[in-house]
Amino acid sequence: MAIYGFCPLAIVPLRREASDKSEMVSQLLFGDVCEILEKTPKWLKIRMLFDGYDGWADAKQIKEISLSEKEEIVAWQNFSLSLSDTIYCNGSIMPIVKGTLLPLASNFQIQGKDFSYCVQTVKFENPEKSLLEIAFDYLGSPYLWGGRTPFGIDCSGFVQMVFKTKQISLLRDAWQQAQQGKPVDSFSEMKPGDVAFFDNDAGNIIHVGIYCGEGKIIHACGSVRIDLLDEKGIFNQENQQYSHQLKLIRRMI
């Protein structure tokens, strides 16, 4: 029988190996649900329910939940929009970050603990907040390998979090995302919101960003930024050089 857990903290690192020294491959945000695959005294090997991503999390930072609690949490449909905010757990303040999922009801319970919030949120597929508006909210966020928050985010994590607000489930890594959606045959056929993928000299997908229209792309490279995009790739106006070579384009919506 499957065992499930949820993230009770603002941000929890997901590591490649069961070690604090191992690289961070992703992050869990408050309310993220996972399947617990393996246990050691200190570590849990988990699989994220949202994107199927595997990794190791500190056992102290994941709480086991019942099947009914799991079903309740995965149904949450409100996204927090503020850069950072707070919720309350049994009256004590807890931090959360942009992109955290919350239930529609502002008062809820998990494992007998009372939670409440009064933060700016948006529901899935809210027409008042377009996909590109959500993307622009991340401008200036620093690049962080494995990151999924405005305080540190990588290129595929950025694209994943933006599309998640539209209830579109993208996988975690850029090469995985490149296999989703529908192909766009040429640069001239691109529309705002299309996802562009970039490769290295070996032909491997190493980068991803979202097309803004008018020959511009928003992507995480050093920070979340807007650069020029053409048939060749991403052109950085600051150093007057191409930083990434265009491989393919996919339409996710």
C-alpha atoms as a PDB file:
ATOM      1  CA  MET A   1       0.000   0.000   0.000  1.00  0.00           C
ATOM      2  CA  ALA A   2       1.341   3.414  -1.000  1.00  0.00           C
ATOM      3  CA  ILE A   3       2.491   5.808   1.726  1.00  0.00           C
ATOM      4  CA  TYR A   4       2.064   9.535   1.154  1.00  0.00           C
ATOM      5  CA  GLY A   5       3.578  12.643   2.661  1.00  0.00           C
ATOM      6  CA  PHE A   6       3.254  16.393   2.334  1.00  0.00           C
ATOM      7  CA  CYS A   7       5.582  19.336   2.759  1.00  0.00           C
ATOM      8  CA  PRO A   8       4.699  21.268   5.961  1.00  0.00           C
ATOM      9  CA  LEU A   9       7.343  23.971   5.430  1.00  0.00           C
ATOM     10  CA  ALA A  10       7.762  26.898   3.041  1.00  0.00           C
ATOM     11  CA  ILE A  11      10.609  25.328   1.015  1.00  0.00           C
ATOM     12  CA  VAL A  12      12.260  21.916   1.314  1.00  0.00           C
ATOM     13  CA  PRO A  13      15.191  20.766  -0.873  1.00  0.00           C
ATOM     14  CA  LEU A  14      14.913  17.572  -2.895  1.00  0.00           C
ATOM     15  CA  ARG A  15      18.366  16.019  -3.336  1.00  0.00           C
ATOM     16  CA  ARG A  16      19.809  13.542  -5.804  1.00  0.00           C
ATOM     17  CA  GLU A  17      21.275  11.352  -3.056  1.00  0.00           C
ATOM     18  CA  ALA A  18      20.541  10.821   0.650  1.00  0.00           C
ATOM     19  CA  SER A  19      23.068  13.371   1.848  1.00  0.00           C
ATOM     20  CA  ASP A  20      23.080  17.025   2.859  1.00  0.00           C
ATOM     21  CA  LYS A  21      26.084  17.394   0.532  1.00  0.00           C
ATOM     22  CA  SER A  22      24.226  16.020  -2.474  1.00  0.00           C
ATOM     23  CA  GLU A  23      23.081  18.439  -5.175  1.00  0.00           C
ATOM     24  CA  MET A  24      19.572  19.884  -4.957  1.00  0.00           C
ATOM     25  CA  VAL A  25      17.570  18.713  -7.983  1.00  0.00           C
ATOM     26  CA  SER A  26      14.246  20.327  -7.074  1.00  0.00           C
ATOM     27  CA  GLN A  27      12.239  21.781  -4.208  1.00  0.00           C
ATOM     28  CA  LEU A  28       8.975  21.079  -2.426  1.00  0.00           C
ATOM     29  CA  LEU A  29       6.751  23.985  -1.422  1.00  0.00           C
ATOM     30  CA  PHE A  30       4.219  23.978   1.401  1.00  0.00           C
ATOM     31  CA  GLY A  31       1.408  21.559   0.576  1.00  0.00           C
ATOM     32  CA  ASP A  32       3.258  19.617  -2.127  1.00  0.00           C
ATOM     33  CA  VAL A  33       2.305  15.938  -1.913  1.00  0.00           C
ATOM     34  CA  CYS A  34       4.645  13.020  -2.545  1.00  0.00           C
ATOM     35  CA  GLU A  35       4.690   9.242  -2.433  1.00  0.00           C
ATOM     36  CA  ILE A  36       7.224   7.860   0.035  1.00  0.00           C
ATOM     37  CA  LEU A  37       9.213   5.167  -1.760  1.00  0.00           C
ATOM     38  CA  GLU A  38      11.960   4.334   0.739  1.00  0.00           C
ATOM     39  CA  LYS A  39      12.906   5.186   4.319  1.00  0.00           C
ATOM     40  CA  THR A  40      16.184   5.457   6.182  1.00  0.00           C
ATOM     41  CA  PRO A  41      16.617   6.831   9.724  1.00  0.00           C
ATOM     42  CA  LYS A  42      17.327  10.313   8.335  1.00  0.00           C
ATOM     43  CA  TRP A  43      16.120  10.363   4.734  1.00  0.00           C
ATOM     44  CA  LEU A  44      13.044   9.603   2.652  1.00  0.00           C
ATOM     45  CA  LYS A  45      13.149   8.750  -1.023  1.00  0.00           C
ATOM     46  CA  ILE A  46      10.063  10.378  -2.464  1.00  0.00           C
ATOM     47  CA  ARG A  47       8.268  10.837  -5.772  1.00  0.00           C
ATOM     48  CA  MET A  48       6.428  14.091  -6.357  1.00  0.00           C
ATOM     49  CA  LEU A  49       2.809  13.499  -7.304  1.00  0.00           C
ATOM     50  CA  PHE A  50       2.673  16.605  -9.489  1.00  0.00           C
ATOM     51  CA  ASP A  51       5.505  15.775 -11.876  1.00  0.00           C
ATOM     52  CA  GLY A  52       6.693  12.273 -10.940  1.00  0.00           C
ATOM     53  CA  TYR A  53      10.140  13.559  -9.975  1.00  0.00           C
ATOM     54  CA  ASP A  54      12.217  11.381  -7.616  1.00  0.00           C
ATOM     55  CA  GLY A  55      14.699  12.482  -4.983  1.00  0.00           C
ATOM     56  CA  TRP A  56      15.675  12.395  -1.323  1.00  0.00           C
ATOM     57  CA  ALA A  57      14.249  14.667   1.365  1.00  0.00           C
ATOM     58  CA  ASP A  58      15.155  15.074   5.029  1.00  0.00           C
ATOM     59  CA  ALA A  59      12.721  12.855   6.949  1.00  0.00           C
ATOM     60  CA  LYS A  60      12.152  15.642   9.501  1.00  0.00           C
ATOM     61  CA  GLN A  61      10.817  17.900   6.753  1.00  0.00           C
ATOM     62  CA  ILE A  62       8.125  15.598   5.359  1.00  0.00           C
ATOM     63  CA  LYS A  63       4.997  14.544   7.254  1.00  0.00           C
ATOM     64  CA  GLU A  64       3.116  11.355   6.476  1.00  0.00           C
ATOM     65  CA  ILE A  65      -0.577  11.793   5.688  1.00  0.00           C
ATOM     66  CA  SER A  66      -3.552   9.503   5.271  1.00  0.00           C
ATOM     67  CA  LEU A  67      -5.052   8.655   1.893  1.00  0.00           C
ATOM     68  CA  SER A  68      -8.044  10.906   2.592  1.00  0.00           C
ATOM     69  CA  GLU A  69      -5.740  13.814   3.521  1.00  0.00           C
ATOM     70  CA  LYS A  70      -3.735  13.190   0.360  1.00  0.00           C
ATOM     71  CA  GLU A  71      -6.887  13.401  -1.783  1.00  0.00           C
ATOM     72  CA  GLU A  72      -7.923  16.596  -0.020  1.00  0.00           C
ATOM     73  CA  ILE A  73      -4.565  18.331  -0.465  1.00  0.00           C
ATOM     74  CA  VAL A  74      -4.069  17.453  -4.149  1.00  0.00           C
ATOM     75  CA  ALA A  75      -7.438  19.125  -4.824  1.00  0.00           C
ATOM     76  CA  TRP A  76      -6.169  22.534  -3.647  1.00  0.00           C
ATOM     77  CA  GLN A  77      -6.614  25.126  -6.402  1.00  0.00           C
ATOM     78  CA  ASN A  78      -5.470  28.497  -5.035  1.00  0.00           C
ATOM     79  CA  PHE A  79      -1.995  29.842  -5.807  1.00  0.00           C
ATOM     80  CA  SER A  80      -0.324  32.400  -3.587  1.00  0.00           C
ATOM     81  CA  LEU A  81       0.763  35.412  -5.635  1.00  0.00           C
ATOM     82  CA  SER A  82       2.773  37.478  -3.166  1.00  0.00           C
ATOM     83  CA  LEU A  83       6.562  37.194  -3.292  1.00  0.00           C
ATOM     84  CA  SER A  84       6.361  35.913   0.279  1.00  0.00           C
ATOM     85  CA  ASP A  85       3.555  35.812   2.795  1.00  0.00           C
ATOM     86  CA  THR A  86       2.463  34.031   5.949  1.00  0.00           C
ATOM     87  CA  ILE A  87      -0.150  31.538   7.010  1.00  0.00           C
ATOM     88  CA  TYR A  88      -1.051  30.451  10.520  1.00  0.00           C
ATOM     89  CA  CYS A  89      -0.637  27.001  12.040  1.00  0.00           C
ATOM     90  CA  ASN A  90      -2.302  26.603  15.446  1.00  0.00           C
ATOM     91  CA  GLY A  91      -1.924  30.357  15.833  1.00  0.00           C
ATOM     92  CA  SER A  92       1.799  30.452  15.002  1.00  0.00           C
ATOM     93  CA  ILE A  93       3.072  32.269  11.905  1.00  0.00           C
ATOM     94  CA  MET A  94       4.518  30.199   9.046  1.00  0.00           C
ATOM     95  CA  PRO A  95       6.133  31.639   5.896  1.00  0.00           C
ATOM     96  CA  ILE A  96       5.092  30.657   2.370  1.00  0.00           C
ATOM     97  CA  VAL A  97       6.319  31.802  -1.044  1.00  0.00           C
ATOM     98  CA  LYS A  98       4.831  32.667  -4.437  1.00  0.00           C
ATOM     99  CA  GLY A  99       3.424  29.618  -6.183  1.00  0.00           C
ATOM    100  CA  THR A 100       2.377  27.802  -3.016  1.00  0.00           C
ATOM    101  CA  LEU A 101      -0.865  25.866  -3.418  1.00  0.00           C
ATOM    102  CA  LEU A 102      -3.625  26.489  -0.891  1.00  0.00           C
ATOM    103  CA  PRO A 103      -7.207  25.253  -0.482  1.00  0.00           C
ATOM    104  CA  LEU A 104     -10.145  27.409  -1.558  1.00  0.00           C
ATOM    105  CA  ALA A 105     -11.245  27.675   2.079  1.00  0.00           C
ATOM    106  CA  SER A 106      -9.043  30.015   4.116  1.00  0.00           C
ATOM    107  CA  ASN A 107      -9.411  27.814   7.206  1.00  0.00           C
ATOM    108  CA  PHE A 108      -8.395  24.165   6.973  1.00  0.00           C
ATOM    109  CA  GLN A 109      -6.948  21.255   8.927  1.00  0.00           C
ATOM    110  CA  ILE A 110      -4.108  18.799   8.308  1.00  0.00           C
ATOM    111  CA  GLN A 111      -3.276  16.077  10.835  1.00  0.00           C
ATOM    112  CA  GLY A 112      -5.396  17.804  13.460  1.00  0.00           C
ATOM    113  CA  LYS A 113      -3.567  21.129  13.088  1.00  0.00           C
ATOM    114  CA  ASP A 114      -5.569  24.257  12.334  1.00  0.00           C
ATOM    115  CA  PHE A 115      -4.336  26.386   9.430  1.00  0.00           C
ATOM    116  CA  SER A 116      -5.623  29.710   8.192  1.00  0.00           C
ATOM    117  CA  TYR A 117      -4.531  32.294   5.669  1.00  0.00           C
ATOM    118  CA  CYS A 118      -5.360  35.734   4.350  1.00  0.00           C
ATOM    119  CA  VAL A 119      -3.048  36.130   1.351  1.00  0.00           C
ATOM    120  CA  GLN A 120      -3.414  37.207  -2.263  1.00  0.00           C
ATOM    121  CA  THR A 121      -4.257  34.159  -4.347  1.00  0.00           C
ATOM    122  CA  VAL A 122      -5.403  33.241  -7.832  1.00  0.00           C
ATOM    123  CA  LYS A 123      -7.419  30.193  -8.833  1.00  0.00           C
ATOM    124  CA  PHE A 124      -6.421  27.794 -11.586  1.00  0.00           C
ATOM    125  CA  GLU A 125      -7.115  29.201 -15.053  1.00  0.00           C
ATOM    126  CA  ASN A 126      -8.093  32.614 -13.690  1.00  0.00           C
ATOM    127  CA  PRO A 127      -8.644  34.757 -16.842  1.00  0.00           C
ATOM    128  CA  GLU A 128      -7.678  37.923 -14.977  1.00  0.00           C
ATOM    129  CA  LYS A 129      -4.074  36.736 -14.674  1.00  0.00           C
ATOM    130  CA  SER A 130      -2.570  35.640 -17.995  1.00  0.00           C
ATOM    131  CA  LEU A 131       0.240  33.137 -18.315  1.00  0.00           C
ATOM    132  CA  LEU A 132       2.692  35.856 -19.348  1.00  0.00           C
ATOM    133  CA  GLU A 133       1.640  38.100 -16.462  1.00  0.00           C
ATOM    134  CA  ILE A 134       2.460  35.263 -14.079  1.00  0.00           C
ATOM    135  CA  ALA A 135       5.813  34.825 -15.855  1.00  0.00           C
ATOM    136  CA  PHE A 136       6.634  38.535 -15.608  1.00  0.00           C
ATOM    137  CA  ASP A 137       6.010  38.398 -11.858  1.00  0.00           C
ATOM    138  CA  TYR A 138       9.206  36.296 -11.602  1.00  0.00           C
ATOM    139  CA  LEU A 139      11.423  38.876 -13.339  1.00  0.00           C
ATOM    140  CA  GLY A 140      14.621  39.449 -11.399  1.00  0.00           C
ATOM    141  CA  SER A 141      14.428  36.184  -9.482  1.00  0.00           C
ATOM    142  CA  PRO A 142      17.969  34.766  -9.106  1.00  0.00           C
ATOM    143  CA  TYR A 143      18.934  31.564 -10.889  1.00  0.00           C
ATOM    144  CA  LEU A 144      19.303  28.546  -8.607  1.00  0.00           C
ATOM    145  CA  TRP A 145      19.886  24.984  -9.810  1.00  0.00           C
ATOM    146  CA  GLY A 146      16.864  22.955  -8.666  1.00  0.00           C
ATOM    147  CA  GLY A 147      14.975  26.049  -7.468  1.00  0.00           C
ATOM    148  CA  ARG A 148      11.229  26.646  -7.837  1.00  0.00           C
ATOM    149  CA  THR A 149      10.707  29.958  -5.999  1.00  0.00           C
ATOM    150  CA  PRO A 150      11.256  33.681  -6.640  1.00  0.00           C
ATOM    151  CA  PHE A 151      14.197  33.482  -4.208  1.00  0.00           C
ATOM    152  CA  GLY A 152      15.981  31.041  -6.532  1.00  0.00           C
ATOM    153  CA  ILE A 153      14.693  29.244  -9.622  1.00  0.00           C
ATOM    154  CA  ASP A 154      16.112  27.333 -12.572  1.00  0.00           C
ATOM    155  CA  CYS A 155      14.970  27.521 -16.178  1.00  0.00           C
ATOM    156  CA  SER A 156      12.717  24.457 -16.195  1.00  0.00           C
ATOM    157  CA  GLY A 157      11.434  25.156 -12.689  1.00  0.00           C
ATOM    158  CA  PHE A 158      10.416  28.632 -13.837  1.00  0.00           C
ATOM    159  CA  VAL A 159       8.501  27.297 -16.848  1.00  0.00           C
ATOM    160  CA  GLN A 160       6.908  24.553 -14.753  1.00  0.00           C
ATOM    161  CA  MET A 161       5.699  26.949 -12.051  1.00  0.00           C
ATOM    162  CA  VAL A 162       4.236  29.416 -14.558  1.00  0.00           C
ATOM    163  CA  PHE A 163       2.260  26.755 -16.411  1.00  0.00           C
ATOM    164  CA  LYS A 164       1.139  25.182 -13.156  1.00  0.00           C
ATOM    165  CA  THR A 165      -0.977  28.274 -12.469  1.00  0.00           C
ATOM    166  CA  LYS A 166      -2.991  27.367 -15.568  1.00  0.00           C
ATOM    167  CA  GLN A 167      -3.413  23.779 -14.369  1.00  0.00           C
ATOM    168  CA  ILE A 168      -0.988  22.525 -17.016  1.00  0.00           C
ATOM    169  CA  SER A 169       1.331  19.888 -15.591  1.00  0.00           C
ATOM    170  CA  LEU A 170       4.796  20.084 -17.084  1.00  0.00           C
ATOM    171  CA  LEU A 171       7.570  17.702 -16.085  1.00  0.00           C
ATOM    172  CA  ARG A 172      10.551  18.929 -14.075  1.00  0.00           C
ATOM    173  CA  ASP A 173      13.530  18.994 -16.456  1.00  0.00           C
ATOM    174  CA  ALA A 174      13.819  20.866 -19.754  1.00  0.00           C
ATOM    175  CA  TRP A 175      14.508  17.693 -21.784  1.00  0.00           C
ATOM    176  CA  GLN A 176      11.336  16.142 -20.331  1.00  0.00           C
ATOM    177  CA  GLN A 177       9.234  19.227 -21.066  1.00  0.00           C
ATOM    178  CA  ALA A 178      10.498  19.154 -24.667  1.00  0.00           C
ATOM    179  CA  GLN A 179       8.498  15.956 -25.168  1.00  0.00           C
ATOM    180  CA  GLN A 180       5.218  17.522 -24.044  1.00  0.00           C
ATOM    181  CA  GLY A 181       2.677  19.645 -25.893  1.00  0.00           C
ATOM    182  CA  LYS A 182       2.481  19.998 -29.680  1.00  0.00           C
ATOM    183  CA  PRO A 183       5.312  20.908 -32.041  1.00  0.00           C
ATOM    184  CA  VAL A 184       5.526  24.355 -33.640  1.00  0.00           C
ATOM    185  CA  ASP A 185       7.168  23.870 -37.004  1.00  0.00           C
ATOM    186  CA  SER A 186       8.962  27.189 -37.397  1.00  0.00           C
ATOM    187  CA  PHE A 187       9.954  30.357 -35.572  1.00  0.00           C
ATOM    188  CA  SER A 188       7.573  32.371 -37.749  1.00  0.00           C
ATOM    189  CA  GLU A 189       4.642  30.350 -36.377  1.00  0.00           C
ATOM    190  CA  MET A 190       5.425  31.076 -32.715  1.00  0.00           C
ATOM    191  CA  LYS A 191       2.759  32.623 -30.505  1.00  0.00           C
ATOM    192  CA  PRO A 192       3.122  34.269 -27.077  1.00  0.00           C
ATOM    193  CA  GLY A 193       3.141  31.516 -24.453  1.00  0.00           C
ATOM    194  CA  ASP A 194       4.905  28.973 -26.668  1.00  0.00           C
ATOM    195  CA  VAL A 195       7.872  27.235 -25.051  1.00  0.00           C
ATOM    196  CA  ALA A 196      11.284  27.325 -26.734  1.00  0.00           C
ATOM    197  CA  PHE A 197      13.999  24.732 -26.066  1.00  0.00           C
ATOM    198  CA  PHE A 198      17.725  25.085 -26.597  1.00  0.00           C
ATOM    199  CA  ASP A 199      20.496  22.522 -27.001  1.00  0.00           C
ATOM    200  CA  ASN A 200      24.267  22.223 -26.660  1.00  0.00           C
ATOM    201  CA  ASP A 201      26.751  21.135 -29.294  1.00  0.00           C
ATOM    202  CA  ALA A 202      25.954  17.495 -28.524  1.00  0.00           C
ATOM    203  CA  GLY A 203      22.268  18.088 -29.328  1.00  0.00           C
ATOM    204  CA  ASN A 204      21.073  17.701 -25.730  1.00  0.00           C
ATOM    205  CA  ILE A 205      18.299  19.989 -24.451  1.00  0.00           C
ATOM    206  CA  ILE A 206      19.862  22.191 -21.757  1.00  0.00           C
ATOM    207  CA  HIS A 207      17.631  25.279 -21.536  1.00  0.00           C
ATOM    208  CA  VAL A 208      14.016  26.417 -21.853  1.00  0.00           C
ATOM    209  CA  GLY A 209      12.049  29.662 -21.859  1.00  0.00           C
ATOM    210  CA  ILE A 210       8.650  31.167 -22.679  1.00  0.00           C
ATOM    211  CA  TYR A 211       8.069  33.251 -25.813  1.00  0.00           C
ATOM    212  CA  CYS A 212       6.687  36.714 -25.083  1.00  0.00           C
ATOM    213  CA  GLY A 213       5.956  37.742 -28.658  1.00  0.00           C
ATOM    214  CA  GLU A 214       7.674  40.460 -30.694  1.00  0.00           C
ATOM    215  CA  GLY A 215      10.913  38.485 -30.826  1.00  0.00           C
ATOM    216  CA  LYS A 216      11.415  38.297 -27.054  1.00  0.00           C
ATOM    217  CA  ILE A 217      11.745  35.438 -24.554  1.00  0.00           C
ATOM    218  CA  ILE A 218      11.533  35.294 -20.773  1.00  0.00           C
ATOM    219  CA  HIS A 219      13.831  32.721 -19.187  1.00  0.00           C
ATOM    220  CA  ALA A 220      16.007  32.016 -16.144  1.00  0.00           C
ATOM    221  CA  CYS A 221      19.662  32.647 -16.963  1.00  0.00           C
ATOM    222  CA  GLY A 222      21.568  34.273 -14.109  1.00  0.00           C
ATOM    223  CA  SER A 223      18.173  35.664 -13.211  1.00  0.00           C
ATOM    224  CA  VAL A 224      14.713  35.582 -14.744  1.00  0.00           C
ATOM    225  CA  ARG A 225      15.104  38.067 -17.585  1.00  0.00           C
ATOM    226  CA  ILE A 226      13.813  39.032 -21.030  1.00  0.00           C
ATOM    227  CA  ASP A 227      16.111  38.687 -24.029  1.00  0.00           C
ATOM    228  CA  LEU A 228      15.765  38.744 -27.806  1.00  0.00           C
ATOM    229  CA  LEU A 229      14.889  35.538 -29.666  1.00  0.00           C
ATOM    230  CA  ASP A 230      15.261  34.704 -33.356  1.00  0.00           C
ATOM    231  CA  GLU A 231      15.618  31.621 -35.539  1.00  0.00           C
ATOM    232  CA  LYS A 232      19.172  31.120 -34.310  1.00  0.00           C
ATOM    233  CA  GLY A 233      18.537  31.413 -30.591  1.00  0.00           C
ATOM    234  CA  ILE A 234      18.670  33.813 -27.633  1.00  0.00           C
ATOM    235  CA  PHE A 235      20.580  37.040 -28.196  1.00  0.00           C
ATOM    236  CA  ASN A 236      21.905  38.858 -25.131  1.00  0.00           C
ATOM    237  CA  GLN A 237      21.953  42.602 -25.875  1.00  0.00           C
ATOM    238  CA  GLU A 238      24.217  43.309 -22.904  1.00  0.00           C
ATOM    239  CA  ASN A 239      27.176  41.395 -24.310  1.00  0.00           C
ATOM    240  CA  GLN A 240      25.990  41.342 -27.936  1.00  0.00           C
ATOM    241  CA  GLN A 241      26.261  37.566 -28.124  1.00  0.00           C
ATOM    242  CA  TYR A 242      24.021  34.541 -28.589  1.00  0.00           C
ATOM    243  CA  SER A 243      23.748  32.658 -25.312  1.00  0.00           C
ATOM    244  CA  HIS A 244      21.653  29.652 -26.412  1.00  0.00           C
ATOM    245  CA  GLN A 245      20.939  27.965 -29.752  1.00  0.00           C
ATOM    246  CA  LEU A 246      17.305  27.233 -30.613  1.00  0.00           C
ATOM    247  CA  LYS A 247      16.466  23.542 -30.963  1.00  0.00           C
ATOM    248  CA  LEU A 248      12.673  23.253 -31.025  1.00  0.00           C
ATOM    249  CA  ILE A 249       9.402  24.909 -30.050  1.00  0.00           C
ATOM    250  CA  ARG A 250       6.379  23.370 -28.320  1.00  0.00           C
ATOM    251  CA  ARG A 251       2.864  24.682 -27.702  1.00  0.00           C
ATOM    252  CA  MET A 252       1.566  23.605 -24.281  1.00  0.00           C
ATOM    253  CA  ILE A 253      -1.847  25.312 -24.342  1.00  0.00           C
END
